[in-house]
């Protein structure tokens, strides 16, 4: 049976989507290749037609998930700049909806500890993404890249804390504190 020329690319995107979701839900180390391939509706045997290793899958799935989630953060803000831009990004990120959507939200709160221990391919992919993200947000917000890095760290840490506590009221307070800090800051 012959497949269309884009069949391999579409299959790879299915694998990346499944991996991104499963890695966010259960972590990279705890998620096997067989689980990823099964979630993509494929057999394990096809894995190596797309990836050199599980770490290679993590590098590509991470970039894929981050680019997808950037669409969520930036949609509708094409003409917004300055402090309104970055405040809206913080509002969207530090939200109950995002906190409660682990498998479809930002992969960084779930995966940063594993990325820090990953091989250079994964860390290099993440470094490139953070550099690109920082430059884009800096240029659109009018703030320095260091300020953007600080706000990024605050948002990721705040979301992670809000997911980790068992008290729903405290979880909401953490998210609110992140949003409030962005509103009160003269330098975002």
N, C-alpha and C. Protein backbone atom coordinates (compact mmCIF):
# COMPACT_ATOMS: atom_id res chain seq x y z
N UNK A 1 0.85 -1.18 0.00
CA UNK A 1 0.00 0.00 0.00
C UNK A 1 0.89 1.24 0.00
N UNK A 2 0.61 2.14 -0.91
CA UNK A 2 1.36 3.40 -1.00
C UNK A 2 0.66 4.45 -0.16
N UNK A 3 1.47 5.24 0.51
CA UNK A 3 0.96 6.35 1.32
C UNK A 3 1.28 7.65 0.64
N UNK A 4 0.49 8.67 0.93
CA UNK A 4 0.75 10.00 0.39
C UNK A 4 2.08 10.53 0.90
N UNK A 5 2.61 11.51 0.20
CA UNK A 5 3.93 12.04 0.54
C UNK A 5 3.97 12.69 1.92
N UNK A 6 2.84 13.10 2.42
CA UNK A 6 2.83 13.74 3.74
C UNK A 6 2.44 12.78 4.86
N UNK A 7 2.26 11.50 4.54
CA UNK A 7 1.84 10.51 5.54
C UNK A 7 2.83 10.42 6.70
N UNK A 8 4.13 10.37 6.39
CA UNK A 8 5.14 10.24 7.44
C UNK A 8 5.12 11.47 8.35
N UNK A 9 4.99 12.64 7.76
CA UNK A 9 4.94 13.87 8.55
C UNK A 9 3.70 13.91 9.44
N UNK A 10 2.56 13.49 8.92
CA UNK A 10 1.33 13.47 9.73
C UNK A 10 1.43 12.45 10.86
N UNK A 11 2.03 11.31 10.57
CA UNK A 11 2.22 10.29 11.60
C UNK A 11 3.14 10.81 12.70
N UNK A 12 4.21 11.47 12.30
CA UNK A 12 5.13 12.03 13.29
C UNK A 12 4.42 13.06 14.17
N UNK A 13 3.58 13.89 13.60
CA UNK A 13 2.83 14.87 14.39
C UNK A 13 1.89 14.19 15.39
N UNK A 14 1.29 13.07 14.98
CA UNK A 14 0.45 12.30 15.92
C UNK A 14 1.28 11.79 17.09
N UNK A 15 2.46 11.30 16.80
CA UNK A 15 3.34 10.80 17.85
C UNK A 15 3.75 11.95 18.78
N UNK A 16 4.14 13.08 18.19
CA UNK A 16 4.55 14.23 19.00
C UNK A 16 3.42 14.72 19.89
N UNK A 17 2.21 14.75 19.35
CA UNK A 17 1.05 15.17 20.15
C UNK A 17 0.78 14.22 21.30
N UNK A 18 0.83 12.94 21.01
CA UNK A 18 0.59 11.93 22.06
C UNK A 18 1.69 12.01 23.12
N UNK A 19 2.93 12.12 22.69
CA UNK A 19 4.05 12.20 23.64
C UNK A 19 3.94 13.44 24.51
N UNK A 20 3.64 14.56 23.91
CA UNK A 20 3.51 15.80 24.68
C UNK A 20 2.46 15.68 25.77
N UNK A 21 1.33 15.11 25.42
CA UNK A 21 0.26 14.93 26.41
C UNK A 21 0.68 13.96 27.52
N UNK A 22 1.20 12.82 27.13
CA UNK A 22 1.58 11.81 28.13
C UNK A 22 2.75 12.27 29.00
N UNK A 23 3.72 12.96 28.42
CA UNK A 23 4.85 13.45 29.20
C UNK A 23 4.37 14.48 30.24
N UNK A 24 3.42 15.33 29.86
CA UNK A 24 2.89 16.32 30.82
C UNK A 24 2.12 15.64 31.93
N UNK A 25 1.36 14.60 31.58
CA UNK A 25 0.54 13.92 32.59
C UNK A 25 1.36 13.08 33.55
N UNK A 26 2.32 12.31 33.03
CA UNK A 26 3.02 11.35 33.87
C UNK A 26 4.50 11.55 34.01
N UNK A 27 5.05 12.52 33.28
CA UNK A 27 6.49 12.73 33.30
C UNK A 27 7.17 11.92 32.21
N UNK A 28 8.35 12.35 31.86
CA UNK A 28 9.11 11.70 30.80
C UNK A 28 9.60 10.32 31.22
N UNK A 29 10.22 10.24 32.38
CA UNK A 29 10.82 8.98 32.83
C UNK A 29 9.78 7.88 33.00
N UNK A 30 8.59 8.25 33.44
CA UNK A 30 7.56 7.25 33.72
C UNK A 30 6.73 6.87 32.50
N UNK A 31 6.96 7.51 31.38
CA UNK A 31 6.18 7.24 30.17
C UNK A 31 7.02 6.46 29.18
N UNK A 32 6.58 5.28 28.84
CA UNK A 32 7.31 4.44 27.91
C UNK A 32 6.96 4.71 26.46
N UNK A 33 7.86 4.33 25.59
CA UNK A 33 7.65 4.48 24.15
C UNK A 33 6.39 3.72 23.73
N UNK A 34 6.16 2.56 24.31
CA UNK A 34 4.96 1.78 23.94
C UNK A 34 3.69 2.55 24.28
N UNK A 35 3.68 3.26 25.39
CA UNK A 35 2.50 4.06 25.75
C UNK A 35 2.27 5.20 24.76
N UNK A 36 3.36 5.85 24.38
CA UNK A 36 3.26 6.95 23.42
C UNK A 36 2.74 6.44 22.08
N UNK A 37 3.33 5.36 21.59
CA UNK A 37 2.93 4.84 20.29
C UNK A 37 1.49 4.34 20.33
N UNK A 38 1.11 3.69 21.44
CA UNK A 38 -0.28 3.23 21.59
C UNK A 38 -1.25 4.40 21.59
N UNK A 39 -0.91 5.49 22.30
CA UNK A 39 -1.78 6.67 22.33
C UNK A 39 -1.89 7.32 20.95
N UNK A 40 -0.86 7.15 20.13
CA UNK A 40 -0.90 7.68 18.77
C UNK A 40 -1.58 6.72 17.80
N UNK A 41 -1.98 5.55 18.30
CA UNK A 41 -2.64 4.56 17.46
C UNK A 41 -1.68 3.79 16.58
N UNK A 42 -0.44 3.65 17.04
CA UNK A 42 0.60 3.00 16.25
C UNK A 42 1.27 1.90 17.04
N UNK A 43 2.03 1.08 16.36
CA UNK A 43 2.79 0.03 17.04
C UNK A 43 4.19 0.56 17.37
N UNK A 44 4.82 -0.07 18.35
CA UNK A 44 6.15 0.35 18.79
C UNK A 44 7.16 0.22 17.66
N UNK A 45 6.97 -0.73 16.79
CA UNK A 45 7.92 -0.96 15.71
C UNK A 45 8.16 0.25 14.82
N UNK A 46 7.21 1.14 14.73
CA UNK A 46 7.35 2.32 13.87
C UNK A 46 8.10 3.48 14.51
N UNK A 47 8.40 3.35 15.78
CA UNK A 47 9.02 4.46 16.51
C UNK A 47 10.32 4.92 15.87
N UNK A 48 11.21 3.98 15.56
CA UNK A 48 12.54 4.35 15.07
C UNK A 48 12.55 4.85 13.63
N UNK A 49 11.42 4.79 12.96
CA UNK A 49 11.33 5.42 11.65
C UNK A 49 11.22 6.94 11.79
N UNK A 50 10.92 7.40 13.02
CA UNK A 50 10.73 8.83 13.26
C UNK A 50 11.73 9.44 14.24
N UNK A 51 12.27 8.64 15.15
CA UNK A 51 13.13 9.17 16.22
C UNK A 51 14.31 8.24 16.46
N UNK A 52 15.46 8.82 16.82
CA UNK A 52 16.65 8.05 17.14
C UNK A 52 16.52 7.37 18.49
N UNK A 53 15.85 8.06 19.42
CA UNK A 53 15.80 7.58 20.80
C UNK A 53 14.61 8.23 21.50
N UNK A 54 14.34 7.77 22.71
CA UNK A 54 13.30 8.38 23.52
C UNK A 54 13.67 9.83 23.85
N UNK A 55 14.95 10.09 24.09
CA UNK A 55 15.41 11.47 24.35
C UNK A 55 15.18 12.35 23.11
N UNK A 56 15.40 11.78 21.93
CA UNK A 56 15.12 12.52 20.70
C UNK A 56 13.65 12.86 20.59
N UNK A 57 12.81 11.92 21.00
CA UNK A 57 11.37 12.18 21.03
C UNK A 57 11.06 13.30 22.01
N UNK A 58 11.66 13.29 23.19
CA UNK A 58 11.42 14.35 24.17
C UNK A 58 11.80 15.71 23.61
N UNK A 59 12.95 15.82 22.98
CA UNK A 59 13.38 17.10 22.42
C UNK A 59 12.36 17.62 21.42
N UNK A 60 11.91 16.76 20.51
CA UNK A 60 10.97 17.20 19.49
C UNK A 60 9.56 17.42 20.05
N UNK A 61 9.14 16.57 20.96
CA UNK A 61 7.81 16.72 21.56
C UNK A 61 7.74 17.99 22.40
N UNK A 62 8.82 18.32 23.08
CA UNK A 62 8.87 19.52 23.88
C UNK A 62 8.72 20.76 23.00
N UNK A 63 9.50 20.84 21.95
CA UNK A 63 9.42 21.98 21.03
C UNK A 63 8.02 22.05 20.41
N UNK A 64 7.49 20.92 20.00
CA UNK A 64 6.15 20.87 19.40
C UNK A 64 5.10 21.39 20.39
N UNK A 65 5.14 20.91 21.62
CA UNK A 65 4.16 21.33 22.63
C UNK A 65 4.31 22.81 22.97
N UNK A 66 5.54 23.29 23.07
CA UNK A 66 5.77 24.70 23.39
C UNK A 66 5.27 25.61 22.27
N UNK A 67 5.48 25.22 21.04
CA UNK A 67 4.99 26.04 19.92
C UNK A 67 3.46 26.04 19.88
N UNK A 68 2.87 24.90 20.17
CA UNK A 68 1.40 24.84 20.22
C UNK A 68 0.86 25.75 21.32
N UNK A 69 1.47 25.71 22.48
CA UNK A 69 0.97 26.50 23.60
C UNK A 69 1.23 27.98 23.39
N UNK A 70 2.29 28.33 22.66
CA UNK A 70 2.52 29.74 22.33
C UNK A 70 1.32 30.30 21.57
N UNK A 71 0.72 29.48 20.72
CA UNK A 71 -0.47 29.93 20.00
C UNK A 71 -1.59 30.32 20.94
N UNK A 72 -1.71 29.59 22.04
CA UNK A 72 -2.74 29.93 23.04
C UNK A 72 -2.41 31.26 23.70
N UNK A 73 -1.15 31.46 24.06
CA UNK A 73 -0.79 32.69 24.78
C UNK A 73 -0.89 33.91 23.88
N UNK A 74 -0.54 33.80 22.60
CA UNK A 74 -0.44 34.95 21.73
C UNK A 74 -1.67 35.22 20.87
N UNK A 75 -2.60 34.27 20.78
CA UNK A 75 -3.78 34.45 19.94
C UNK A 75 -4.59 35.66 20.41
N UNK A 76 -4.94 36.50 19.46
CA UNK A 76 -5.74 37.69 19.75
C UNK A 76 -4.92 38.87 20.26
N UNK A 77 -3.62 38.69 20.39
CA UNK A 77 -2.77 39.77 20.90
C UNK A 77 -1.85 40.33 19.81
N UNK A 78 -2.19 40.09 18.57
CA UNK A 78 -1.34 40.51 17.46
C UNK A 78 -1.07 42.01 17.47
N UNK A 79 -2.04 42.82 17.88
CA UNK A 79 -1.88 44.27 17.88
C UNK A 79 -1.63 44.84 19.27
N UNK A 80 -1.41 43.99 20.25
CA UNK A 80 -1.19 44.43 21.62
C UNK A 80 0.31 44.46 21.90
N UNK A 81 0.76 45.52 22.54
CA UNK A 81 2.18 45.66 22.89
C UNK A 81 2.29 46.24 24.29
N UNK A 82 3.51 46.39 24.76
CA UNK A 82 3.77 47.03 26.04
C UNK A 82 3.25 46.22 27.21
N UNK A 83 2.99 46.94 28.30
CA UNK A 83 2.53 46.27 29.51
C UNK A 83 1.20 45.54 29.34
N UNK A 84 0.25 46.06 28.54
CA UNK A 84 -0.98 45.28 28.34
C UNK A 84 -0.71 43.89 27.74
N UNK A 85 0.29 43.80 26.89
CA UNK A 85 0.65 42.52 26.28
C UNK A 85 1.12 41.53 27.35
N UNK A 86 2.10 41.93 28.14
CA UNK A 86 2.66 40.99 29.10
C UNK A 86 1.67 40.69 30.23
N UNK A 87 0.86 41.67 30.61
CA UNK A 87 -0.15 41.41 31.64
C UNK A 87 -1.17 40.38 31.17
N UNK A 88 -1.54 40.45 29.90
CA UNK A 88 -2.49 39.48 29.37
C UNK A 88 -1.87 38.09 29.29
N UNK A 89 -0.60 38.02 28.95
CA UNK A 89 0.09 36.72 28.93
C UNK A 89 0.07 36.13 30.34
N UNK A 90 0.40 36.94 31.35
CA UNK A 90 0.39 36.46 32.73
C UNK A 90 -1.02 36.04 33.14
N UNK A 91 -2.02 36.84 32.77
CA UNK A 91 -3.40 36.49 33.12
C UNK A 91 -3.80 35.15 32.53
N UNK A 92 -3.42 34.91 31.30
CA UNK A 92 -3.77 33.65 30.66
C UNK A 92 -3.01 32.48 31.28
N UNK A 93 -1.73 32.70 31.56
CA UNK A 93 -0.90 31.62 32.08
C UNK A 93 -1.29 31.28 33.52
N UNK A 94 -1.43 32.28 34.36
CA UNK A 94 -1.72 32.07 35.78
C UNK A 94 -3.24 32.02 36.00
N UNK A 95 -3.88 31.09 35.32
CA UNK A 95 -5.34 30.97 35.40
C UNK A 95 -5.74 29.59 35.91
N UNK A 96 -6.94 29.51 36.45
CA UNK A 96 -7.47 28.21 36.88
C UNK A 96 -7.55 27.25 35.70
N UNK A 97 -8.01 27.77 34.58
CA UNK A 97 -8.16 26.91 33.39
C UNK A 97 -6.83 26.27 33.03
N UNK A 98 -5.76 27.05 33.04
CA UNK A 98 -4.45 26.51 32.69
C UNK A 98 -3.97 25.55 33.78
N UNK A 99 -4.16 25.92 35.03
CA UNK A 99 -3.76 25.04 36.14
C UNK A 99 -4.41 23.67 36.02
N UNK A 100 -5.67 23.65 35.66
CA UNK A 100 -6.44 22.41 35.62
C UNK A 100 -6.26 21.61 34.33
N UNK A 101 -5.56 22.15 33.36
CA UNK A 101 -5.36 21.49 32.08
C UNK A 101 -3.91 21.02 31.95
N UNK A 102 -3.52 20.10 32.80
CA UNK A 102 -2.12 19.64 32.82
C UNK A 102 -1.72 19.06 31.47
N UNK A 103 -2.53 18.20 30.90
CA UNK A 103 -2.14 17.51 29.67
C UNK A 103 -2.17 18.41 28.44
N UNK A 104 -2.88 19.53 28.51
CA UNK A 104 -2.95 20.43 27.36
C UNK A 104 -2.30 21.77 27.59
N UNK A 105 -1.74 21.98 28.77
CA UNK A 105 -1.13 23.26 29.10
C UNK A 105 0.36 23.28 28.81
N UNK A 106 1.00 24.26 29.36
CA UNK A 106 2.44 24.41 29.18
C UNK A 106 3.16 23.19 29.74
N UNK A 107 4.08 22.61 28.98
CA UNK A 107 4.78 21.42 29.46
C UNK A 107 5.88 21.73 30.49
N UNK A 108 6.26 22.99 30.64
CA UNK A 108 7.41 23.30 31.48
C UNK A 108 7.20 23.00 32.96
N UNK A 109 6.07 23.33 33.57
CA UNK A 109 5.93 22.98 34.99
C UNK A 109 6.06 21.48 35.24
N UNK A 110 5.62 20.67 34.30
CA UNK A 110 5.70 19.22 34.48
C UNK A 110 7.07 18.64 34.15
N UNK A 111 7.78 19.27 33.23
CA UNK A 111 8.98 18.63 32.68
C UNK A 111 10.31 19.30 33.00
N UNK A 112 10.32 20.49 33.57
CA UNK A 112 11.60 21.17 33.79
C UNK A 112 12.61 20.36 34.58
N UNK A 113 12.23 19.69 35.67
CA UNK A 113 13.24 18.90 36.37
C UNK A 113 13.85 17.81 35.49
N UNK A 114 13.04 17.21 34.61
CA UNK A 114 13.56 16.17 33.73
C UNK A 114 14.39 16.78 32.59
N UNK A 115 14.00 17.95 32.12
CA UNK A 115 14.78 18.63 31.09
C UNK A 115 16.16 18.97 31.64
N UNK A 116 16.21 19.41 32.89
CA UNK A 116 17.49 19.77 33.50
C UNK A 116 18.44 18.58 33.57
N UNK A 117 17.90 17.37 33.65
CA UNK A 117 18.73 16.16 33.73
C UNK A 117 18.89 15.46 32.38
N UNK A 118 18.27 16.00 31.36
CA UNK A 118 18.26 15.34 30.05
C UNK A 118 19.58 15.52 29.31
N UNK A 119 19.68 14.81 28.20
CA UNK A 119 20.90 14.92 27.40
C UNK A 119 20.96 16.27 26.68
N UNK A 120 22.12 16.60 26.12
CA UNK A 120 22.30 17.91 25.48
C UNK A 120 21.29 18.21 24.37
N UNK A 121 20.83 17.20 23.65
CA UNK A 121 19.86 17.44 22.58
C UNK A 121 18.59 18.08 23.13
N UNK A 122 18.10 17.57 24.24
CA UNK A 122 16.88 18.09 24.86
C UNK A 122 17.15 19.48 25.43
N UNK A 123 18.24 19.63 26.15
CA UNK A 123 18.55 20.92 26.77
C UNK A 123 18.82 21.98 25.71
N UNK A 124 19.46 21.61 24.60
CA UNK A 124 19.70 22.56 23.53
C UNK A 124 18.39 23.01 22.88
N UNK A 125 17.46 22.08 22.67
CA UNK A 125 16.15 22.43 22.10
C UNK A 125 15.41 23.38 23.02
N UNK A 126 15.46 23.10 24.32
CA UNK A 126 14.80 23.97 25.29
C UNK A 126 15.47 25.35 25.34
N UNK A 127 16.78 25.38 25.30
CA UNK A 127 17.52 26.65 25.34
C UNK A 127 17.15 27.51 24.14
N UNK A 128 17.10 26.92 22.97
CA UNK A 128 16.71 27.66 21.76
C UNK A 128 15.30 28.22 21.91
N UNK A 129 14.38 27.40 22.41
CA UNK A 129 13.01 27.88 22.60
C UNK A 129 12.98 29.06 23.58
N UNK A 130 13.63 28.94 24.72
CA UNK A 130 13.60 30.01 25.73
C UNK A 130 14.21 31.29 25.17
N UNK A 131 15.30 31.17 24.43
CA UNK A 131 15.91 32.35 23.80
C UNK A 131 14.93 33.02 22.84
N UNK A 132 14.30 32.23 21.97
CA UNK A 132 13.34 32.78 21.00
C UNK A 132 12.14 33.41 21.70
N UNK A 133 11.58 32.70 22.69
CA UNK A 133 10.42 33.20 23.43
C UNK A 133 10.76 34.52 24.12
N UNK A 134 11.91 34.57 24.77
CA UNK A 134 12.33 35.76 25.49
C UNK A 134 12.49 36.95 24.54
N UNK A 135 13.10 36.72 23.40
CA UNK A 135 13.28 37.79 22.44
C UNK A 135 11.94 38.31 21.92
N UNK A 136 11.02 37.39 21.61
CA UNK A 136 9.72 37.82 21.09
C UNK A 136 8.94 38.61 22.13
N UNK A 137 8.86 38.10 23.35
CA UNK A 137 8.10 38.79 24.38
C UNK A 137 8.77 40.11 24.74
N UNK A 138 10.08 40.14 24.76
CA UNK A 138 10.80 41.38 25.04
C UNK A 138 10.49 42.44 23.99
N UNK A 139 10.53 42.05 22.73
CA UNK A 139 10.28 43.03 21.67
C UNK A 139 8.83 43.51 21.68
N UNK A 140 7.90 42.63 21.99
CA UNK A 140 6.48 43.02 22.00
C UNK A 140 6.07 43.76 23.25
N UNK A 141 6.77 43.51 24.36
CA UNK A 141 6.40 44.17 25.61
C UNK A 141 7.21 45.43 25.88
N UNK A 142 8.33 45.58 25.18
CA UNK A 142 9.19 46.73 25.43
C UNK A 142 10.02 46.58 26.69
N UNK A 143 10.08 45.38 27.24
CA UNK A 143 10.85 45.12 28.46
C UNK A 143 12.13 44.37 28.11
N UNK A 144 13.08 44.46 29.01
CA UNK A 144 14.35 43.79 28.77
C UNK A 144 14.17 42.28 28.79
N UNK A 145 15.10 41.59 28.16
CA UNK A 145 15.04 40.13 28.17
C UNK A 145 15.19 39.58 29.58
N UNK A 146 15.97 40.24 30.42
CA UNK A 146 16.11 39.78 31.80
C UNK A 146 14.78 39.90 32.56
N UNK A 147 14.05 40.98 32.32
CA UNK A 147 12.73 41.12 32.95
C UNK A 147 11.78 40.03 32.47
N UNK A 148 11.81 39.75 31.17
CA UNK A 148 10.96 38.70 30.62
C UNK A 148 11.33 37.34 31.21
N UNK A 149 12.61 37.08 31.36
CA UNK A 149 13.04 35.83 31.98
C UNK A 149 12.52 35.73 33.42
N UNK A 150 12.58 36.83 34.16
CA UNK A 150 12.08 36.82 35.54
C UNK A 150 10.58 36.55 35.58
N UNK A 151 9.83 37.16 34.69
CA UNK A 151 8.38 36.93 34.66
C UNK A 151 8.05 35.52 34.20
N UNK A 152 8.83 35.01 33.29
CA UNK A 152 8.62 33.63 32.84
C UNK A 152 8.84 32.66 34.00
N UNK A 153 9.92 32.87 34.74
CA UNK A 153 10.20 32.02 35.90
C UNK A 153 9.08 32.13 36.94
N UNK A 154 8.58 33.34 37.17
CA UNK A 154 7.49 33.54 38.12
C UNK A 154 6.23 32.80 37.68
N UNK A 155 5.91 32.89 36.40
CA UNK A 155 4.69 32.24 35.91
C UNK A 155 4.79 30.72 36.01
N UNK A 156 5.91 30.17 35.59
CA UNK A 156 6.08 28.72 35.64
C UNK A 156 6.07 28.24 37.08
N UNK A 157 6.83 28.92 37.93
CA UNK A 157 6.87 28.55 39.35
C UNK A 157 5.52 28.70 40.02
N UNK A 158 4.82 29.77 39.70
CA UNK A 158 3.49 29.99 40.29
C UNK A 158 2.50 28.91 39.86
N UNK A 159 2.53 28.55 38.59
CA UNK A 159 1.64 27.49 38.12
C UNK A 159 1.98 26.17 38.78
N UNK A 160 3.25 25.86 38.87
CA UNK A 160 3.68 24.62 39.51
C UNK A 160 3.25 24.58 40.98
N UNK A 161 3.47 25.67 41.71
CA UNK A 161 3.03 25.73 43.10
C UNK A 161 1.53 25.56 43.22
N UNK A 162 0.79 26.22 42.34
CA UNK A 162 -0.68 26.14 42.41
C UNK A 162 -1.18 24.72 42.16
N UNK A 163 -0.45 23.96 41.36
CA UNK A 163 -0.83 22.57 41.10
C UNK A 163 -0.41 21.64 42.24
N UNK A 164 0.64 22.03 42.97
CA UNK A 164 1.21 21.14 43.99
C UNK A 164 0.48 21.18 45.32
N UNK A 165 -0.14 22.30 45.66
CA UNK A 165 -0.78 22.39 46.97
C UNK A 165 -2.11 21.64 46.96
N UNK A 166 -2.51 21.14 48.12
CA UNK A 166 -3.77 20.38 48.22
C UNK A 166 -4.97 21.26 48.55
N UNK A 167 -4.73 22.48 48.96
CA UNK A 167 -5.81 23.40 49.35
C UNK A 167 -6.23 24.24 48.14
N UNK A 168 -7.45 24.06 47.62
CA UNK A 168 -7.88 24.82 46.45
C UNK A 168 -7.85 26.33 46.66
N UNK A 169 -8.16 26.78 47.87
CA UNK A 169 -8.14 28.22 48.12
C UNK A 169 -6.71 28.76 48.04
N UNK A 170 -5.75 28.02 48.58
CA UNK A 170 -4.35 28.44 48.49
C UNK A 170 -3.88 28.40 47.04
N UNK A 171 -4.29 27.40 46.30
CA UNK A 171 -3.95 27.31 44.88
C UNK A 171 -4.42 28.55 44.13
N UNK A 172 -5.68 28.94 44.38
CA UNK A 172 -6.21 30.15 43.74
C UNK A 172 -5.45 31.40 44.19
N UNK A 173 -5.07 31.46 45.46
CA UNK A 173 -4.31 32.61 45.97
C UNK A 173 -2.96 32.72 45.27
N UNK A 174 -2.31 31.61 45.02
CA UNK A 174 -1.02 31.63 44.33
C UNK A 174 -1.19 32.21 42.93
N UNK A 175 -2.18 31.73 42.20
CA UNK A 175 -2.43 32.25 40.85
C UNK A 175 -2.77 33.73 40.89
N UNK A 176 -3.61 34.12 41.83
CA UNK A 176 -3.99 35.52 41.96
C UNK A 176 -2.78 36.39 42.29
N UNK A 177 -1.89 35.89 43.17
CA UNK A 177 -0.69 36.65 43.52
C UNK A 177 0.18 36.90 42.28
N UNK A 178 0.29 35.91 41.42
CA UNK A 178 1.06 36.08 40.18
C UNK A 178 0.42 37.14 39.29
N UNK A 179 -0.89 37.05 39.13
CA UNK A 179 -1.58 38.04 38.29
C UNK A 179 -1.48 39.43 38.91
N UNK A 180 -1.66 39.52 40.22
CA UNK A 180 -1.61 40.81 40.91
C UNK A 180 -0.23 41.44 40.78
N UNK A 181 0.80 40.65 40.93
CA UNK A 181 2.17 41.16 40.82
C UNK A 181 2.39 41.78 39.43
N UNK A 182 1.84 41.16 38.41
CA UNK A 182 2.01 41.70 37.06
C UNK A 182 1.27 43.03 36.89
N UNK A 183 0.16 43.21 37.58
CA UNK A 183 -0.60 44.45 37.49
C UNK A 183 0.07 45.58 38.25
N UNK A 184 0.71 45.26 39.37
CA UNK A 184 1.28 46.28 40.22
C UNK A 184 2.69 46.69 39.81
N UNK A 185 3.36 45.84 39.07
CA UNK A 185 4.76 46.11 38.74
C UNK A 185 4.88 47.26 37.77
N UNK A 186 5.78 48.14 38.05
CA UNK A 186 6.07 49.23 37.10
C UNK A 186 7.00 48.73 36.01
N UNK A 187 7.78 47.72 36.36
CA UNK A 187 8.70 47.12 35.38
C UNK A 187 8.33 45.66 35.25
N UNK A 188 7.75 45.33 34.12
CA UNK A 188 7.32 43.97 33.91
C UNK A 188 8.43 43.16 33.30
